[in-house]
Amino acid sequence: MLESIITTTSGESFTFINAIIVLITSIVLGLIISLSYMKTNNKDRFGSNFSVTLVMLPVIIAIIILLVGNNVARAFSLAGAFSIIRFRSAPGDPKDIAYIFFTLAVGLACGMGYIGYSILFTFVLCAVMLILEKVNFGINREKTMELKIVVPEDLNFEGVFDSILNEYTNSYTVERVRTRDFGALFEITYLIKLKQDASSKDLLDKLRCKNGNLNISLTSSISESKLFI
């Protein structure tokens, strides 16, 4: 009996007991996926609403599959009912979207009766996500940033900051040079890759000693967070 429950079941052969097993399994697997999501994301970033959603989605999909079964007319009716619903939200993080598809796939597998496969896939993918998070897979070791330095018109800026940039960066390139304030100032834009142990504050302190304490901005090209002096 256990083997028949864990393998596959068609929509028409579902009994009440099998339906209960499918629902309980989808809830447990959704909870495991939600816990995996919370472990692999910054605790300051994930929201409780999204974590609860990850628990609910497999159950909802499993229920839909149970209701539809092999009935084509019922499937078209359900599709028509869902077509009147409009979901509006800002695009999320790619990892969040991947977890959404993860829960949808698990709910679909549970609803179709593939209990054993859904359990296997959940544990394997959650283990992969936890391992990738543990080894910091895909994290850029260099801080790629945009540096803007304002200098007075009487300062020959060519090469004046090279020694400082060589000390704090692995590489840098001049992206743009433009005038400001009717030619009274120059603004130089660099694309730099900070060294892993480099201090942004120390870099800015040394640069402003060279540019006469005029404005300097350091902008992360990834998070778009800015530091102004």
C-alpha atoms as a PDB file:
ATOM      1  CA  MET A   1       0.000   0.000   0.000  1.00  0.00           C
ATOM      2  CA  LEU A   2       2.837   2.367   0.877  1.00  0.00           C
ATOM      3  CA  GLU A   3       4.413   1.729  -2.508  1.00  0.00           C
ATOM      4  CA  SER A   4       1.195   2.644  -4.339  1.00  0.00           C
ATOM      5  CA  ILE A   5       0.934   5.910  -2.399  1.00  0.00           C
ATOM      6  CA  ILE A   6       4.549   6.920  -2.939  1.00  0.00           C
ATOM      7  CA  THR A   7       4.668   6.171  -6.666  1.00  0.00           C
ATOM      8  CA  THR A   8       1.886   7.636  -8.831  1.00  0.00           C
ATOM      9  CA  THR A   9      -1.855   8.012  -8.752  1.00  0.00           C
ATOM     10  CA  SER A  10      -4.157   9.253 -11.491  1.00  0.00           C
ATOM     11  CA  GLY A  11      -6.756  11.910 -10.814  1.00  0.00           C
ATOM     12  CA  GLU A  12      -9.662   9.473 -11.077  1.00  0.00           C
ATOM     13  CA  SER A  13      -8.156   6.883  -8.710  1.00  0.00           C
ATOM     14  CA  PHE A  14      -7.616   9.290  -5.813  1.00  0.00           C
ATOM     15  CA  THR A  15      -9.305   8.275  -2.601  1.00  0.00           C
ATOM     16  CA  PHE A  16      -9.988  10.525   0.357  1.00  0.00           C
ATOM     17  CA  ILE A  17      -6.993   9.036   2.196  1.00  0.00           C
ATOM     18  CA  ASN A  18      -4.705   9.628  -0.766  1.00  0.00           C
ATOM     19  CA  ALA A  19      -5.941  13.210  -1.055  1.00  0.00           C
ATOM     20  CA  ILE A  20      -5.143  13.814   2.629  1.00  0.00           C
ATOM     21  CA  ILE A  21      -1.678  12.353   2.116  1.00  0.00           C
ATOM     22  CA  VAL A  22      -1.089  14.612  -0.895  1.00  0.00           C
ATOM     23  CA  LEU A  23      -2.180  17.727   1.002  1.00  0.00           C
ATOM     24  CA  ILE A  24      -0.098  16.926   4.084  1.00  0.00           C
ATOM     25  CA  THR A  25       2.931  16.148   1.910  1.00  0.00           C
ATOM     26  CA  SER A  26       2.606  19.400  -0.025  1.00  0.00           C
ATOM     27  CA  ILE A  27       2.337  21.389   3.227  1.00  0.00           C
ATOM     28  CA  VAL A  28       5.439  19.722   4.687  1.00  0.00           C
ATOM     29  CA  LEU A  29       7.445  20.163   1.488  1.00  0.00           C
ATOM     30  CA  GLY A  30       6.341  23.796   1.207  1.00  0.00           C
ATOM     31  CA  LEU A  31       7.529  24.349   4.772  1.00  0.00           C
ATOM     32  CA  ILE A  32      10.898  22.750   3.961  1.00  0.00           C
ATOM     33  CA  ILE A  33      11.276  24.953   0.873  1.00  0.00           C
ATOM     34  CA  SER A  34      10.360  28.049   2.893  1.00  0.00           C
ATOM     35  CA  LEU A  35      12.948  27.185   5.568  1.00  0.00           C
ATOM     36  CA  SER A  36      15.547  26.643   2.843  1.00  0.00           C
ATOM     37  CA  TYR A  37      14.695  30.055   1.379  1.00  0.00           C
ATOM     38  CA  MET A  38      15.110  31.752   4.763  1.00  0.00           C
ATOM     39  CA  LYS A  39      18.462  30.025   5.301  1.00  0.00           C
ATOM     40  CA  THR A  40      19.821  31.024   1.905  1.00  0.00           C
ATOM     41  CA  ASN A  41      18.765  34.679   2.007  1.00  0.00           C
ATOM     42  CA  ASN A  42      19.849  37.684   3.994  1.00  0.00           C
ATOM     43  CA  LYS A  43      17.761  37.778   7.166  1.00  0.00           C
ATOM     44  CA  ASP A  44      17.270  41.522   6.751  1.00  0.00           C
ATOM     45  CA  ARG A  45      15.897  41.098   3.226  1.00  0.00           C
ATOM     46  CA  PHE A  46      13.320  38.320   3.169  1.00  0.00           C
ATOM     47  CA  GLY A  47       9.776  39.035   4.299  1.00  0.00           C
ATOM     48  CA  SER A  48       7.460  36.858   6.332  1.00  0.00           C
ATOM     49  CA  ASN A  49       4.722  37.226   3.690  1.00  0.00           C
ATOM     50  CA  PHE A  50       6.883  35.646   1.003  1.00  0.00           C
ATOM     51  CA  SER A  51       7.957  32.829   3.335  1.00  0.00           C
ATOM     52  CA  VAL A  52       4.311  32.020   4.081  1.00  0.00           C
ATOM     53  CA  THR A  53       3.541  32.154   0.359  1.00  0.00           C
ATOM     54  CA  LEU A  54       6.146  29.467  -0.294  1.00  0.00           C
ATOM     55  CA  VAL A  55       4.319  27.205   2.167  1.00  0.00           C
ATOM     56  CA  MET A  56       0.914  27.869   0.617  1.00  0.00           C
ATOM     57  CA  LEU A  57       1.759  27.566  -3.080  1.00  0.00           C
ATOM     58  CA  PRO A  58       2.424  23.790  -3.228  1.00  0.00           C
ATOM     59  CA  VAL A  59      -0.846  23.148  -1.380  1.00  0.00           C
ATOM     60  CA  ILE A  60      -2.825  25.424  -3.704  1.00  0.00           C
ATOM     61  CA  ILE A  61      -1.367  23.838  -6.844  1.00  0.00           C
ATOM     62  CA  ALA A  62      -1.946  20.344  -5.462  1.00  0.00           C
ATOM     63  CA  ILE A  63      -5.588  21.194  -4.722  1.00  0.00           C
ATOM     64  CA  ILE A  64      -6.070  22.558  -8.250  1.00  0.00           C
ATOM     65  CA  ILE A  65      -4.616  19.394  -9.783  1.00  0.00           C
ATOM     66  CA  LEU A  66      -6.804  17.239  -7.536  1.00  0.00           C
ATOM     67  CA  LEU A  67      -9.916  19.146  -8.601  1.00  0.00           C
ATOM     68  CA  VAL A  68      -9.079  19.013 -12.309  1.00  0.00           C
ATOM     69  CA  GLY A  69      -7.947  15.378 -12.476  1.00  0.00           C
ATOM     70  CA  ASN A  70      -8.339  14.035 -16.014  1.00  0.00           C
ATOM     71  CA  ASN A  71     -11.479  16.047 -16.762  1.00  0.00           C
ATOM     72  CA  VAL A  72     -10.764  18.261 -19.797  1.00  0.00           C
ATOM     73  CA  ALA A  73     -13.964  20.304 -19.437  1.00  0.00           C
ATOM     74  CA  ARG A  74     -13.156  21.003 -15.814  1.00  0.00           C
ATOM     75  CA  ALA A  75      -9.639  22.095 -16.767  1.00  0.00           C
ATOM     76  CA  PHE A  76     -10.984  24.605 -19.331  1.00  0.00           C
ATOM     77  CA  SER A  77     -13.509  25.915 -16.800  1.00  0.00           C
ATOM     78  CA  LEU A  78     -10.781  26.401 -14.208  1.00  0.00           C
ATOM     79  CA  ALA A  79      -8.554  28.159 -16.746  1.00  0.00           C
ATOM     80  CA  GLY A  80     -11.409  30.515 -17.598  1.00  0.00           C
ATOM     81  CA  ALA A  81     -11.995  31.295 -13.938  1.00  0.00           C
ATOM     82  CA  PHE A  82      -8.319  32.107 -13.349  1.00  0.00           C
ATOM     83  CA  SER A  83      -8.104  34.228 -16.509  1.00  0.00           C
ATOM     84  CA  ILE A  84     -10.210  36.967 -14.865  1.00  0.00           C
ATOM     85  CA  ILE A  85      -7.673  37.356 -12.046  1.00  0.00           C
ATOM     86  CA  ARG A  86      -4.998  40.014 -12.477  1.00  0.00           C
ATOM     87  CA  PHE A  87      -1.760  39.866 -10.488  1.00  0.00           C
ATOM     88  CA  ARG A  88       0.351  43.004 -10.335  1.00  0.00           C
ATOM     89  CA  SER A  89       3.729  43.169  -8.628  1.00  0.00           C
ATOM     90  CA  ALA A  90       7.189  44.580  -9.230  1.00  0.00           C
ATOM     91  CA  PRO A  91       9.756  42.159 -10.660  1.00  0.00           C
ATOM     92  CA  GLY A  92      11.417  40.298  -7.822  1.00  0.00           C
ATOM     93  CA  ASP A  93      14.851  38.915  -7.167  1.00  0.00           C
ATOM     94  CA  PRO A  94      15.808  36.098  -9.587  1.00  0.00           C
ATOM     95  CA  LYS A  95      16.290  33.726  -6.666  1.00  0.00           C
ATOM     96  CA  ASP A  96      12.785  34.540  -5.383  1.00  0.00           C
ATOM     97  CA  ILE A  97      11.320  33.787  -8.808  1.00  0.00           C
ATOM     98  CA  ALA A  98      13.231  30.487  -8.898  1.00  0.00           C
ATOM     99  CA  TYR A  99      11.736  29.530  -5.535  1.00  0.00           C
ATOM    100  CA  ILE A 100       8.270  30.338  -6.867  1.00  0.00           C
ATOM    101  CA  PHE A 101       8.772  27.926  -9.770  1.00  0.00           C
ATOM    102  CA  PHE A 102      10.249  25.411  -7.323  1.00  0.00           C
ATOM    103  CA  THR A 103       7.112  25.418  -5.183  1.00  0.00           C
ATOM    104  CA  LEU A 104       4.854  25.286  -8.250  1.00  0.00           C
ATOM    105  CA  ALA A 105       6.685  22.205  -9.531  1.00  0.00           C
ATOM    106  CA  VAL A 106       6.457  20.486  -6.132  1.00  0.00           C
ATOM    107  CA  GLY A 107       2.745  21.253  -5.855  1.00  0.00           C
ATOM    108  CA  LEU A 108       2.175  19.937  -9.384  1.00  0.00           C
ATOM    109  CA  ALA A 109       4.060  16.713  -8.624  1.00  0.00           C
ATOM    110  CA  CYS A 110       2.124  16.204  -5.390  1.00  0.00           C
ATOM    111  CA  GLY A 111      -1.223  16.882  -7.076  1.00  0.00           C
ATOM    112  CA  MET A 112      -0.472  14.359  -9.811  1.00  0.00           C
ATOM    113  CA  GLY A 113       0.386  11.737  -7.209  1.00  0.00           C
ATOM    114  CA  TYR A 114       4.168  11.685  -7.655  1.00  0.00           C
ATOM    115  CA  ILE A 115       4.752  11.867  -3.913  1.00  0.00           C
ATOM    116  CA  GLY A 116       8.071  10.055  -3.873  1.00  0.00           C
ATOM    117  CA  TYR A 117       9.499  12.141  -6.683  1.00  0.00           C
ATOM    118  CA  SER A 118       8.327  15.397  -5.124  1.00  0.00           C
ATOM    119  CA  ILE A 119      10.014  14.483  -1.829  1.00  0.00           C
ATOM    120  CA  LEU A 120      13.211  13.517  -3.647  1.00  0.00           C
ATOM    121  CA  PHE A 121      13.309  16.682  -5.754  1.00  0.00           C
ATOM    122  CA  THR A 122      12.610  18.909  -2.743  1.00  0.00           C
ATOM    123  CA  PHE A 123      15.406  17.485  -0.632  1.00  0.00           C
ATOM    124  CA  VAL A 124      17.905  17.441  -3.495  1.00  0.00           C
ATOM    125  CA  LEU A 125      17.231  21.034  -4.629  1.00  0.00           C
ATOM    126  CA  CYS A 126      17.130  22.395  -1.063  1.00  0.00           C
ATOM    127  CA  ALA A 127      20.436  20.651  -0.338  1.00  0.00           C
ATOM    128  CA  VAL A 128      21.944  22.155  -3.503  1.00  0.00           C
ATOM    129  CA  MET A 129      20.750  25.651  -2.538  1.00  0.00           C
ATOM    130  CA  LEU A 130      22.156  25.310   0.991  1.00  0.00           C
ATOM    131  CA  ILE A 131      25.520  24.080  -0.312  1.00  0.00           C
ATOM    132  CA  LEU A 132      25.771  26.898  -2.876  1.00  0.00           C
ATOM    133  CA  GLU A 133      24.971  29.436  -0.154  1.00  0.00           C
ATOM    134  CA  LYS A 134      27.555  27.882   2.178  1.00  0.00           C
ATOM    135  CA  VAL A 135      30.377  28.114  -0.381  1.00  0.00           C
ATOM    136  CA  ASN A 136      29.282  31.635  -1.484  1.00  0.00           C
ATOM    137  CA  PHE A 137      28.858  30.449  -5.056  1.00  0.00           C
ATOM    138  CA  GLY A 138      28.628  33.222  -7.649  1.00  0.00           C
ATOM    139  CA  ILE A 139      29.593  36.052  -5.282  1.00  0.00           C
ATOM    140  CA  ASN A 140      31.809  38.654  -6.915  1.00  0.00           C
ATOM    141  CA  ARG A 141      34.974  39.015  -4.841  1.00  0.00           C
ATOM    142  CA  GLU A 142      35.720  42.438  -6.300  1.00  0.00           C
ATOM    143  CA  LYS A 143      33.662  45.539  -5.598  1.00  0.00           C
ATOM    144  CA  THR A 144      32.947  47.162  -8.971  1.00  0.00           C
ATOM    145  CA  MET A 145      32.127  50.816  -8.343  1.00  0.00           C
ATOM    146  CA  GLU A 146      31.762  54.145 -10.123  1.00  0.00           C
ATOM    147  CA  LEU A 147      33.946  56.959  -8.810  1.00  0.00           C
ATOM    148  CA  LYS A 148      33.239  60.607  -9.654  1.00  0.00           C
ATOM    149  CA  ILE A 149      35.812  63.242  -8.699  1.00  0.00           C
ATOM    150  CA  VAL A 150      35.311  66.991  -9.108  1.00  0.00           C
ATOM    151  CA  VAL A 151      38.518  68.987  -9.603  1.00  0.00           C
ATOM    152  CA  PRO A 152      39.185  72.721 -10.152  1.00  0.00           C
ATOM    153  CA  GLU A 153      39.972  73.868 -13.674  1.00  0.00           C
ATOM    154  CA  ASP A 154      43.550  74.849 -12.759  1.00  0.00           C
ATOM    155  CA  LEU A 155      44.427  71.309 -11.608  1.00  0.00           C
ATOM    156  CA  ASN A 156      46.040  69.024 -14.181  1.00  0.00           C
ATOM    157  CA  PHE A 157      44.014  65.924 -13.326  1.00  0.00           C
ATOM    158  CA  GLU A 158      45.781  63.582 -15.766  1.00  0.00           C
ATOM    159  CA  GLY A 159      47.631  61.038 -13.649  1.00  0.00           C
ATOM    160  CA  VAL A 160      47.215  62.975 -10.394  1.00  0.00           C
ATOM    161  CA  PHE A 161      45.093  60.225  -8.787  1.00  0.00           C
ATOM    162  CA  ASP A 162      46.926  57.224 -10.267  1.00  0.00           C
ATOM    163  CA  SER A 163      49.083  56.436  -7.232  1.00  0.00           C
ATOM    164  CA  ILE A 164      46.052  56.408  -4.910  1.00  0.00           C
ATOM    165  CA  LEU A 165      43.944  54.313  -7.269  1.00  0.00           C
ATOM    166  CA  ASN A 166      46.776  51.813  -7.724  1.00  0.00           C
ATOM    167  CA  GLU A 167      46.930  51.420  -3.949  1.00  0.00           C
ATOM    168  CA  TYR A 168      43.213  50.758  -3.372  1.00  0.00           C
ATOM    169  CA  THR A 169      42.006  49.167  -6.614  1.00  0.00           C
ATOM    170  CA  ASN A 170      42.793  46.135  -8.738  1.00  0.00           C
ATOM    171  CA  SER A 171      41.946  48.052 -11.908  1.00  0.00           C
ATOM    172  CA  TYR A 172      40.434  51.356 -12.992  1.00  0.00           C
ATOM    173  CA  THR A 173      39.472  53.093 -16.218  1.00  0.00           C
ATOM    174  CA  VAL A 174      38.432  56.642 -17.055  1.00  0.00           C
ATOM    175  CA  GLU A 175      34.840  56.486 -18.306  1.00  0.00           C
ATOM    176  CA  ARG A 176      34.048  60.168 -18.837  1.00  0.00           C
ATOM    177  CA  VAL A 177      35.420  63.674 -18.321  1.00  0.00           C
ATOM    178  CA  ARG A 178      33.082  66.685 -18.453  1.00  0.00           C
ATOM    179  CA  THR A 179      33.025  70.305 -17.363  1.00  0.00           C
ATOM    180  CA  ARG A 180      30.759  71.761 -14.692  1.00  0.00           C
ATOM    181  CA  ASP A 181      29.736  75.198 -13.506  1.00  0.00           C
ATOM    182  CA  PHE A 182      30.440  76.894 -16.857  1.00  0.00           C
ATOM    183  CA  GLY A 183      33.916  75.380 -17.120  1.00  0.00           C
ATOM    184  CA  ALA A 184      35.047  76.301 -13.605  1.00  0.00           C
ATOM    185  CA  LEU A 185      35.213  72.613 -12.589  1.00  0.00           C
ATOM    186  CA  PHE A 186      35.950  69.264 -14.181  1.00  0.00           C
ATOM    187  CA  GLU A 187      34.165  66.012 -13.263  1.00  0.00           C
ATOM    188  CA  ILE A 188      36.118  62.795 -13.900  1.00  0.00           C
ATOM    189  CA  THR A 189      34.243  59.476 -13.841  1.00  0.00           C
ATOM    190  CA  TYR A 190      36.191  56.278 -13.165  1.00  0.00           C
ATOM    191  CA  LEU A 191      35.039  52.657 -13.211  1.00  0.00           C
ATOM    192  CA  ILE A 192      37.074  50.977 -10.488  1.00  0.00           C
ATOM    193  CA  LYS A 193      37.376  47.523  -8.920  1.00  0.00           C
ATOM    194  CA  LEU A 194      38.189  47.916  -5.252  1.00  0.00           C
ATOM    195  CA  LYS A 195      40.517  45.448  -3.591  1.00  0.00           C
ATOM    196  CA  GLN A 196      38.752  43.033  -1.254  1.00  0.00           C
ATOM    197  CA  ASP A 197      40.253  44.525   1.926  1.00  0.00           C
ATOM    198  CA  ALA A 198      40.263  48.152   0.736  1.00  0.00           C
ATOM    199  CA  SER A 199      38.553  50.815   2.851  1.00  0.00           C
ATOM    200  CA  SER A 200      36.255  53.123   0.901  1.00  0.00           C
ATOM    201  CA  LYS A 201      36.616  55.840   3.550  1.00  0.00           C
ATOM    202  CA  ASP A 202      40.413  55.809   3.396  1.00  0.00           C
ATOM    203  CA  LEU A 203      40.265  56.001  -0.385  1.00  0.00           C
ATOM    204  CA  LEU A 204      37.957  59.024  -0.296  1.00  0.00           C
ATOM    205  CA  ASP A 205      40.028  60.741   2.383  1.00  0.00           C
ATOM    206  CA  LYS A 206      43.160  60.533   0.242  1.00  0.00           C
ATOM    207  CA  LEU A 207      41.367  61.599  -2.922  1.00  0.00           C
ATOM    208  CA  ARG A 208      39.869  64.742  -1.371  1.00  0.00           C
ATOM    209  CA  CYS A 209      43.334  65.810  -0.242  1.00  0.00           C
ATOM    210  CA  LYS A 210      44.266  65.852  -3.935  1.00  0.00           C
ATOM    211  CA  ASN A 211      41.161  67.531  -5.370  1.00  0.00           C
ATOM    212  CA  GLY A 212      40.966  70.441  -2.928  1.00  0.00           C
ATOM    213  CA  ASN A 213      38.169  68.884  -0.835  1.00  0.00           C
ATOM    214  CA  LEU A 214      35.606  69.220  -3.627  1.00  0.00           C
ATOM    215  CA  ASN A 215      32.761  66.741  -4.176  1.00  0.00           C
ATOM    216  CA  ILE A 216      33.545  63.053  -4.604  1.00  0.00           C
ATOM    217  CA  SER A 217      30.962  60.300  -5.080  1.00  0.00           C
ATOM    218  CA  LEU A 218      31.502  56.559  -4.901  1.00  0.00           C
ATOM    219  CA  THR A 219      28.630  54.498  -6.309  1.00  0.00           C
ATOM    220  CA  SER A 220      28.209  50.755  -6.288  1.00  0.00           C
ATOM    221  CA  SER A 221      27.431  49.595  -9.809  1.00  0.00           C
ATOM    222  CA  ILE A 222      25.397  46.678  -8.345  1.00  0.00           C
ATOM    223  CA  SER A 223      23.367  48.048  -5.452  1.00  0.00           C
ATOM    224  CA  GLU A 224      23.402  51.707  -6.566  1.00  0.00           C
ATOM    225  CA  SER A 225      24.167  52.796  -2.993  1.00  0.00           C
ATOM    226  CA  LYS A 226      26.107  56.056  -2.818  1.00  0.00           C
ATOM    227  CA  LEU A 227      28.672  57.590  -0.530  1.00  0.00           C
ATOM    228  CA  PHE A 228      29.196  61.346  -0.908  1.00  0.00           C
ATOM    229  CA  ILE A 229      31.824  63.693   0.429  1.00  0.00           C
END
